[in-house]
Amino acid sequence: MKKAQIISEILGDFLLPMLGYIFWSWDLYFILLFIIFDLSIRLIFIFYRKESRNAQLLLRPTLFYLSFIVLAHFYMVLTEPTWRFTTAFSDFFWYTDFFIPQGIILVPLLIYTERSRQRMEIMTTGYFNPMLVAKKLGTRLLMASLILMLMSLCLAIFNWSANVEITFFLAAWLVLILLENRAAFLKN
């Protein structure tokens, strides 16, 4: 991949959650839901590509995806015992800014982004590599699950505020994305 393409991927994966936190007052669960929507759409696109219809190829990302969802919800219950999934999900999807619910904007935006990412890969490399995409997604989901496990451990040890946990998560998410794409920056 070209450096500009990777930089735009990094900005897309990190910048929108950060902007949501800064400008739209997203809490950690809103950020996690955005990431879950993004990863869900990526996983669905992998499932529907005929090149990637292989149970062995899809097993790893699917298991790590389910682990990430369970850990995200487990962490939210740890931080706020009265937290409920249905109300939090509804609050996220129907949160309005300029009189438009953000879910109606974010879901098509994420679908368009993933479709563009796949088209760009086909244009730059000449083919779509489902093995590489599934491996990269599986690794990201595994690392995201490990981040949530580390946050759960830190929550048990320290009494941190909501701002600290969001800052920690966003910093860990940025490091994860940068490490994932480090090979592009090491090339001359």
C-alpha atoms as a PDB file:
ATOM      1  CA  MET A   1       0.000   0.000   0.000  1.00  0.00           C
ATOM      2  CA  LYS A   2       1.070   3.532  -0.575  1.00  0.00           C
ATOM      3  CA  LYS A   3       1.961   5.732   2.358  1.00  0.00           C
ATOM      4  CA  ALA A   4      -0.856   8.188   1.624  1.00  0.00           C
ATOM      5  CA  GLN A   5      -3.384   5.354   1.602  1.00  0.00           C
ATOM      6  CA  ILE A   6      -2.125   4.069   4.938  1.00  0.00           C
ATOM      7  CA  ILE A   7      -2.172   7.536   6.469  1.00  0.00           C
ATOM      8  CA  SER A   8      -5.786   7.978   5.345  1.00  0.00           C
ATOM      9  CA  GLU A   9      -6.623   4.566   6.858  1.00  0.00           C
ATOM     10  CA  ILE A  10      -4.989   5.569  10.138  1.00  0.00           C
ATOM     11  CA  LEU A  11      -6.873   8.845  10.186  1.00  0.00           C
ATOM     12  CA  GLY A  12     -10.153   7.114   9.386  1.00  0.00           C
ATOM     13  CA  ASP A  13      -9.714   4.466  12.073  1.00  0.00           C
ATOM     14  CA  PHE A  14      -8.536   6.850  14.780  1.00  0.00           C
ATOM     15  CA  LEU A  15      -9.655  10.361  13.917  1.00  0.00           C
ATOM     16  CA  LEU A  16     -13.412   9.783  13.901  1.00  0.00           C
ATOM     17  CA  PRO A  17     -13.515   8.236  17.413  1.00  0.00           C
ATOM     18  CA  MET A  18     -11.283  11.037  18.684  1.00  0.00           C
ATOM     19  CA  LEU A  19     -13.464  13.703  17.057  1.00  0.00           C
ATOM     20  CA  GLY A  20     -16.526  12.000  18.530  1.00  0.00           C
ATOM     21  CA  TYR A  21     -14.990  12.269  21.979  1.00  0.00           C
ATOM     22  CA  ILE A  22     -13.889  15.874  21.545  1.00  0.00           C
ATOM     23  CA  PHE A  23     -16.792  17.423  19.628  1.00  0.00           C
ATOM     24  CA  TRP A  24     -19.804  15.172  20.183  1.00  0.00           C
ATOM     25  CA  SER A  25     -19.134  14.161  23.798  1.00  0.00           C
ATOM     26  CA  TRP A  26     -18.897  10.453  23.018  1.00  0.00           C
ATOM     27  CA  ASP A  27     -18.235   8.339  26.056  1.00  0.00           C
ATOM     28  CA  LEU A  28     -16.172   5.150  25.961  1.00  0.00           C
ATOM     29  CA  TYR A  29     -19.139   3.035  24.959  1.00  0.00           C
ATOM     30  CA  PHE A  30     -19.988   5.294  22.016  1.00  0.00           C
ATOM     31  CA  ILE A  31     -16.377   4.951  20.863  1.00  0.00           C
ATOM     32  CA  LEU A  32     -16.515   1.184  21.328  1.00  0.00           C
ATOM     33  CA  LEU A  33     -19.805   0.998  19.422  1.00  0.00           C
ATOM     34  CA  PHE A  34     -18.336   2.963  16.548  1.00  0.00           C
ATOM     35  CA  ILE A  35     -15.385   0.555  16.453  1.00  0.00           C
ATOM     36  CA  ILE A  36     -17.746  -2.431  16.688  1.00  0.00           C
ATOM     37  CA  PHE A  37     -19.781  -1.074  13.755  1.00  0.00           C
ATOM     38  CA  ASP A  38     -16.593  -0.519  11.762  1.00  0.00           C
ATOM     39  CA  LEU A  39     -15.222  -3.985  12.491  1.00  0.00           C
ATOM     40  CA  SER A  40     -18.638  -5.573  11.856  1.00  0.00           C
ATOM     41  CA  ILE A  41     -18.833  -4.027   8.419  1.00  0.00           C
ATOM     42  CA  ARG A  42     -15.291  -5.145   7.625  1.00  0.00           C
ATOM     43  CA  LEU A  43     -16.113  -8.676   8.728  1.00  0.00           C
ATOM     44  CA  ILE A  44     -19.348  -8.716   6.700  1.00  0.00           C
ATOM     45  CA  PHE A  45     -17.459  -7.546   3.608  1.00  0.00           C
ATOM     46  CA  ILE A  46     -14.958 -10.368   4.077  1.00  0.00           C
ATOM     47  CA  PHE A  47     -17.815 -12.892   4.464  1.00  0.00           C
ATOM     48  CA  TYR A  48     -19.470 -11.757   1.237  1.00  0.00           C
ATOM     49  CA  ARG A  49     -16.368 -11.835  -0.953  1.00  0.00           C
ATOM     50  CA  LYS A  50     -16.376 -15.081  -2.889  1.00  0.00           C
ATOM     51  CA  GLU A  51     -12.571 -15.274  -2.591  1.00  0.00           C
ATOM     52  CA  SER A  52     -12.815 -15.493   1.188  1.00  0.00           C
ATOM     53  CA  ARG A  53     -15.595 -18.036   1.666  1.00  0.00           C
ATOM     54  CA  ASN A  54     -13.446 -20.424   3.636  1.00  0.00           C
ATOM     55  CA  ALA A  55     -14.394 -21.499   7.157  1.00  0.00           C
ATOM     56  CA  GLN A  56     -10.774 -21.841   8.248  1.00  0.00           C
ATOM     57  CA  LEU A  57      -9.965 -18.343   6.989  1.00  0.00           C
ATOM     58  CA  LEU A  58     -12.959 -16.758   8.741  1.00  0.00           C
ATOM     59  CA  LEU A  59     -12.769 -18.650  12.047  1.00  0.00           C
ATOM     60  CA  ARG A  60     -10.029 -16.539  13.668  1.00  0.00           C
ATOM     61  CA  PRO A  61     -11.530 -13.084  12.959  1.00  0.00           C
ATOM     62  CA  THR A  62     -15.006 -14.287  13.927  1.00  0.00           C
ATOM     63  CA  LEU A  63     -13.862 -15.687  17.283  1.00  0.00           C
ATOM     64  CA  PHE A  64     -11.836 -12.562  18.097  1.00  0.00           C
ATOM     65  CA  TYR A  65     -14.768 -10.390  17.020  1.00  0.00           C
ATOM     66  CA  LEU A  66     -17.084 -12.179  19.438  1.00  0.00           C
ATOM     67  CA  SER A  67     -14.428 -11.933  22.170  1.00  0.00           C
ATOM     68  CA  PHE A  68     -14.078  -8.194  21.591  1.00  0.00           C
ATOM     69  CA  ILE A  69     -17.839  -7.649  21.822  1.00  0.00           C
ATOM     70  CA  VAL A  70     -18.125  -9.675  25.033  1.00  0.00           C
ATOM     71  CA  LEU A  71     -15.125  -7.906  26.599  1.00  0.00           C
ATOM     72  CA  ALA A  72     -16.422  -4.462  25.601  1.00  0.00           C
ATOM     73  CA  HIS A  73     -19.751  -5.142  27.257  1.00  0.00           C
ATOM     74  CA  PHE A  74     -18.080  -6.748  30.269  1.00  0.00           C
ATOM     75  CA  TYR A  75     -15.910  -3.654  30.717  1.00  0.00           C
ATOM     76  CA  MET A  76     -18.912  -1.346  30.494  1.00  0.00           C
ATOM     77  CA  VAL A  77     -20.734  -3.332  33.188  1.00  0.00           C
ATOM     78  CA  LEU A  78     -17.598  -3.158  35.344  1.00  0.00           C
ATOM     79  CA  THR A  79     -17.426   0.622  35.059  1.00  0.00           C
ATOM     80  CA  GLU A  80     -21.140   1.225  35.500  1.00  0.00           C
ATOM     81  CA  PRO A  81     -23.198  -1.623  37.006  1.00  0.00           C
ATOM     82  CA  THR A  82     -26.514   0.006  36.032  1.00  0.00           C
ATOM     83  CA  TRP A  83     -25.462   0.206  32.373  1.00  0.00           C
ATOM     84  CA  ARG A  84     -27.850  -1.436  29.883  1.00  0.00           C
ATOM     85  CA  PHE A  85     -26.980  -2.411  26.332  1.00  0.00           C
ATOM     86  CA  THR A  86     -30.312  -1.576  24.711  1.00  0.00           C
ATOM     87  CA  THR A  87     -30.530   1.948  26.067  1.00  0.00           C
ATOM     88  CA  ALA A  88     -26.851   2.670  25.370  1.00  0.00           C
ATOM     89  CA  PHE A  89     -27.138   1.326  21.818  1.00  0.00           C
ATOM     90  CA  SER A  90     -30.287   3.340  21.196  1.00  0.00           C
ATOM     91  CA  ASP A  91     -28.631   6.464  22.623  1.00  0.00           C
ATOM     92  CA  PHE A  92     -25.676   5.963  20.268  1.00  0.00           C
ATOM     93  CA  PHE A  93     -27.661   5.259  17.129  1.00  0.00           C
ATOM     94  CA  TRP A  94     -30.249   7.992  17.614  1.00  0.00           C
ATOM     95  CA  TYR A  95     -27.886  10.656  19.011  1.00  0.00           C
ATOM     96  CA  THR A  96     -28.717  13.733  16.932  1.00  0.00           C
ATOM     97  CA  ASP A  97     -26.428  16.431  15.700  1.00  0.00           C
ATOM     98  CA  PHE A  98     -27.893  19.012  13.347  1.00  0.00           C
ATOM     99  CA  PHE A  99     -31.211  17.147  13.679  1.00  0.00           C
ATOM    100  CA  ILE A 100     -29.853  13.998  11.993  1.00  0.00           C
ATOM    101  CA  PRO A 101     -29.353  10.756  13.970  1.00  0.00           C
ATOM    102  CA  GLN A 102     -25.689   9.802  13.813  1.00  0.00           C
ATOM    103  CA  GLY A 103     -26.430   6.119  13.154  1.00  0.00           C
ATOM    104  CA  ILE A 104     -28.102   7.026   9.876  1.00  0.00           C
ATOM    105  CA  ILE A 105     -24.928   8.822   8.819  1.00  0.00           C
ATOM    106  CA  LEU A 106     -22.260   6.536  10.313  1.00  0.00           C
ATOM    107  CA  VAL A 107     -23.428   3.171   8.986  1.00  0.00           C
ATOM    108  CA  PRO A 108     -23.532   4.235   5.294  1.00  0.00           C
ATOM    109  CA  LEU A 109     -20.267   6.117   5.801  1.00  0.00           C
ATOM    110  CA  LEU A 110     -18.580   2.986   7.172  1.00  0.00           C
ATOM    111  CA  ILE A 111     -19.978   0.869   4.321  1.00  0.00           C
ATOM    112  CA  TYR A 112     -18.713   3.392   1.776  1.00  0.00           C
ATOM    113  CA  THR A 113     -15.307   3.508   3.470  1.00  0.00           C
ATOM    114  CA  GLU A 114     -14.904  -0.266   3.437  1.00  0.00           C
ATOM    115  CA  ARG A 115     -16.021  -0.502  -0.185  1.00  0.00           C
ATOM    116  CA  SER A 116     -13.534   2.246  -1.094  1.00  0.00           C
ATOM    117  CA  ARG A 117     -10.768   0.472   0.848  1.00  0.00           C
ATOM    118  CA  GLN A 118     -11.341  -2.724  -1.132  1.00  0.00           C
ATOM    119  CA  ARG A 119     -11.484  -0.871  -4.471  1.00  0.00           C
ATOM    120  CA  MET A 120      -8.275   0.968  -3.603  1.00  0.00           C
ATOM    121  CA  GLU A 121      -6.526  -2.309  -2.801  1.00  0.00           C
ATOM    122  CA  ILE A 122      -7.649  -3.772  -6.131  1.00  0.00           C
ATOM    123  CA  MET A 123      -6.457  -0.644  -7.961  1.00  0.00           C
ATOM    124  CA  THR A 124      -3.044  -0.547  -6.262  1.00  0.00           C
ATOM    125  CA  THR A 125      -2.227  -4.262  -6.189  1.00  0.00           C
ATOM    126  CA  GLY A 126      -4.417  -5.584  -9.002  1.00  0.00           C
ATOM    127  CA  TYR A 127      -6.238  -8.109  -6.819  1.00  0.00           C
ATOM    128  CA  PHE A 128      -8.023  -8.520  -3.515  1.00  0.00           C
ATOM    129  CA  ASN A 129      -6.189 -10.657  -0.965  1.00  0.00           C
ATOM    130  CA  PRO A 130      -8.790 -12.043   1.471  1.00  0.00           C
ATOM    131  CA  MET A 131      -6.148 -13.942   3.452  1.00  0.00           C
ATOM    132  CA  LEU A 132      -4.267 -10.739   4.237  1.00  0.00           C
ATOM    133  CA  VAL A 133      -7.439  -8.814   5.099  1.00  0.00           C
ATOM    134  CA  ALA A 134      -8.764 -11.591   7.372  1.00  0.00           C
ATOM    135  CA  LYS A 135      -5.382 -11.949   9.078  1.00  0.00           C
ATOM    136  CA  LYS A 136      -5.096  -8.194   9.624  1.00  0.00           C
ATOM    137  CA  LEU A 137      -8.654  -7.987  10.965  1.00  0.00           C
ATOM    138  CA  GLY A 138      -8.093 -10.980  13.251  1.00  0.00           C
ATOM    139  CA  THR A 139      -4.906  -9.433  14.624  1.00  0.00           C
ATOM    140  CA  ARG A 140      -6.630  -6.081  15.210  1.00  0.00           C
ATOM    141  CA  LEU A 141      -9.501  -7.786  17.027  1.00  0.00           C
ATOM    142  CA  LEU A 142      -7.106  -9.817  19.172  1.00  0.00           C
ATOM    143  CA  MET A 143      -5.132  -6.719  20.136  1.00  0.00           C
ATOM    144  CA  ALA A 144      -8.337  -4.754  20.814  1.00  0.00           C
ATOM    145  CA  SER A 145      -9.477  -7.568  23.111  1.00  0.00           C
ATOM    146  CA  LEU A 146      -6.133  -7.441  24.905  1.00  0.00           C
ATOM    147  CA  ILE A 147      -6.500  -3.672  25.331  1.00  0.00           C
ATOM    148  CA  LEU A 148      -9.890  -4.185  26.974  1.00  0.00           C
ATOM    149  CA  MET A 149      -8.447  -6.897  29.235  1.00  0.00           C
ATOM    150  CA  LEU A 150      -5.648  -4.538  30.268  1.00  0.00           C
ATOM    151  CA  MET A 151      -8.184  -1.787  30.905  1.00  0.00           C
ATOM    152  CA  SER A 152     -10.248  -4.158  33.070  1.00  0.00           C
ATOM    153  CA  LEU A 153      -7.144  -4.979  35.075  1.00  0.00           C
ATOM    154  CA  CYS A 154      -6.264  -1.291  35.447  1.00  0.00           C
ATOM    155  CA  LEU A 155      -9.837  -0.547  36.496  1.00  0.00           C
ATOM    156  CA  ALA A 156      -9.521  -3.152  39.259  1.00  0.00           C
ATOM    157  CA  ILE A 157      -6.193  -1.716  40.444  1.00  0.00           C
ATOM    158  CA  PHE A 158      -6.737   2.026  39.949  1.00  0.00           C
ATOM    159  CA  ASN A 159      -9.764   4.212  40.376  1.00  0.00           C
ATOM    160  CA  TRP A 160      -9.546   6.148  37.152  1.00  0.00           C
ATOM    161  CA  SER A 161     -11.982   8.680  35.785  1.00  0.00           C
ATOM    162  CA  ALA A 162     -13.936   8.452  32.538  1.00  0.00           C
ATOM    163  CA  ASN A 163     -11.569  10.913  30.838  1.00  0.00           C
ATOM    164  CA  VAL A 164      -8.530   8.860  31.802  1.00  0.00           C
ATOM    165  CA  GLU A 165     -10.043   5.615  30.545  1.00  0.00           C
ATOM    166  CA  ILE A 166     -11.063   7.193  27.230  1.00  0.00           C
ATOM    167  CA  THR A 167      -7.632   8.776  26.817  1.00  0.00           C
ATOM    168  CA  PHE A 168      -5.963   5.454  27.626  1.00  0.00           C
ATOM    169  CA  PHE A 169      -8.170   3.588  25.163  1.00  0.00           C
ATOM    170  CA  LEU A 170      -7.672   6.118  22.356  1.00  0.00           C
ATOM    171  CA  ALA A 171      -3.902   6.156  22.911  1.00  0.00           C
ATOM    172  CA  ALA A 172      -3.782   2.353  22.919  1.00  0.00           C
ATOM    173  CA  TRP A 173      -5.976   2.263  19.799  1.00  0.00           C
ATOM    174  CA  LEU A 174      -3.646   4.692  17.997  1.00  0.00           C
ATOM    175  CA  VAL A 175      -0.584   2.655  18.976  1.00  0.00           C
ATOM    176  CA  LEU A 176      -2.323  -0.491  17.729  1.00  0.00           C
ATOM    177  CA  ILE A 177      -3.105   1.102  14.355  1.00  0.00           C
ATOM    178  CA  LEU A 178       0.428   2.494  14.003  1.00  0.00           C
ATOM    179  CA  LEU A 179       2.018  -0.846  14.877  1.00  0.00           C
ATOM    180  CA  GLU A 180      -0.278  -2.587  12.427  1.00  0.00           C
ATOM    181  CA  ASN A 181       0.924  -0.316   9.623  1.00  0.00           C
ATOM    182  CA  ARG A 182       4.547   0.103  10.718  1.00  0.00           C
ATOM    183  CA  ALA A 183       5.947  -1.711   7.676  1.00  0.00           C
ATOM    184  CA  ALA A 184       4.777   1.076   5.350  1.00  0.00           C
ATOM    185  CA  PHE A 185       6.625   3.674   7.388  1.00  0.00           C
ATOM    186  CA  LEU A 186       9.849   1.670   7.599  1.00  0.00           C
ATOM    187  CA  LYS A 187      10.163   1.404   3.810  1.00  0.00           C
ATOM    188  CA  ASN A 188      12.034   4.136   1.991  1.00  0.00           C
END
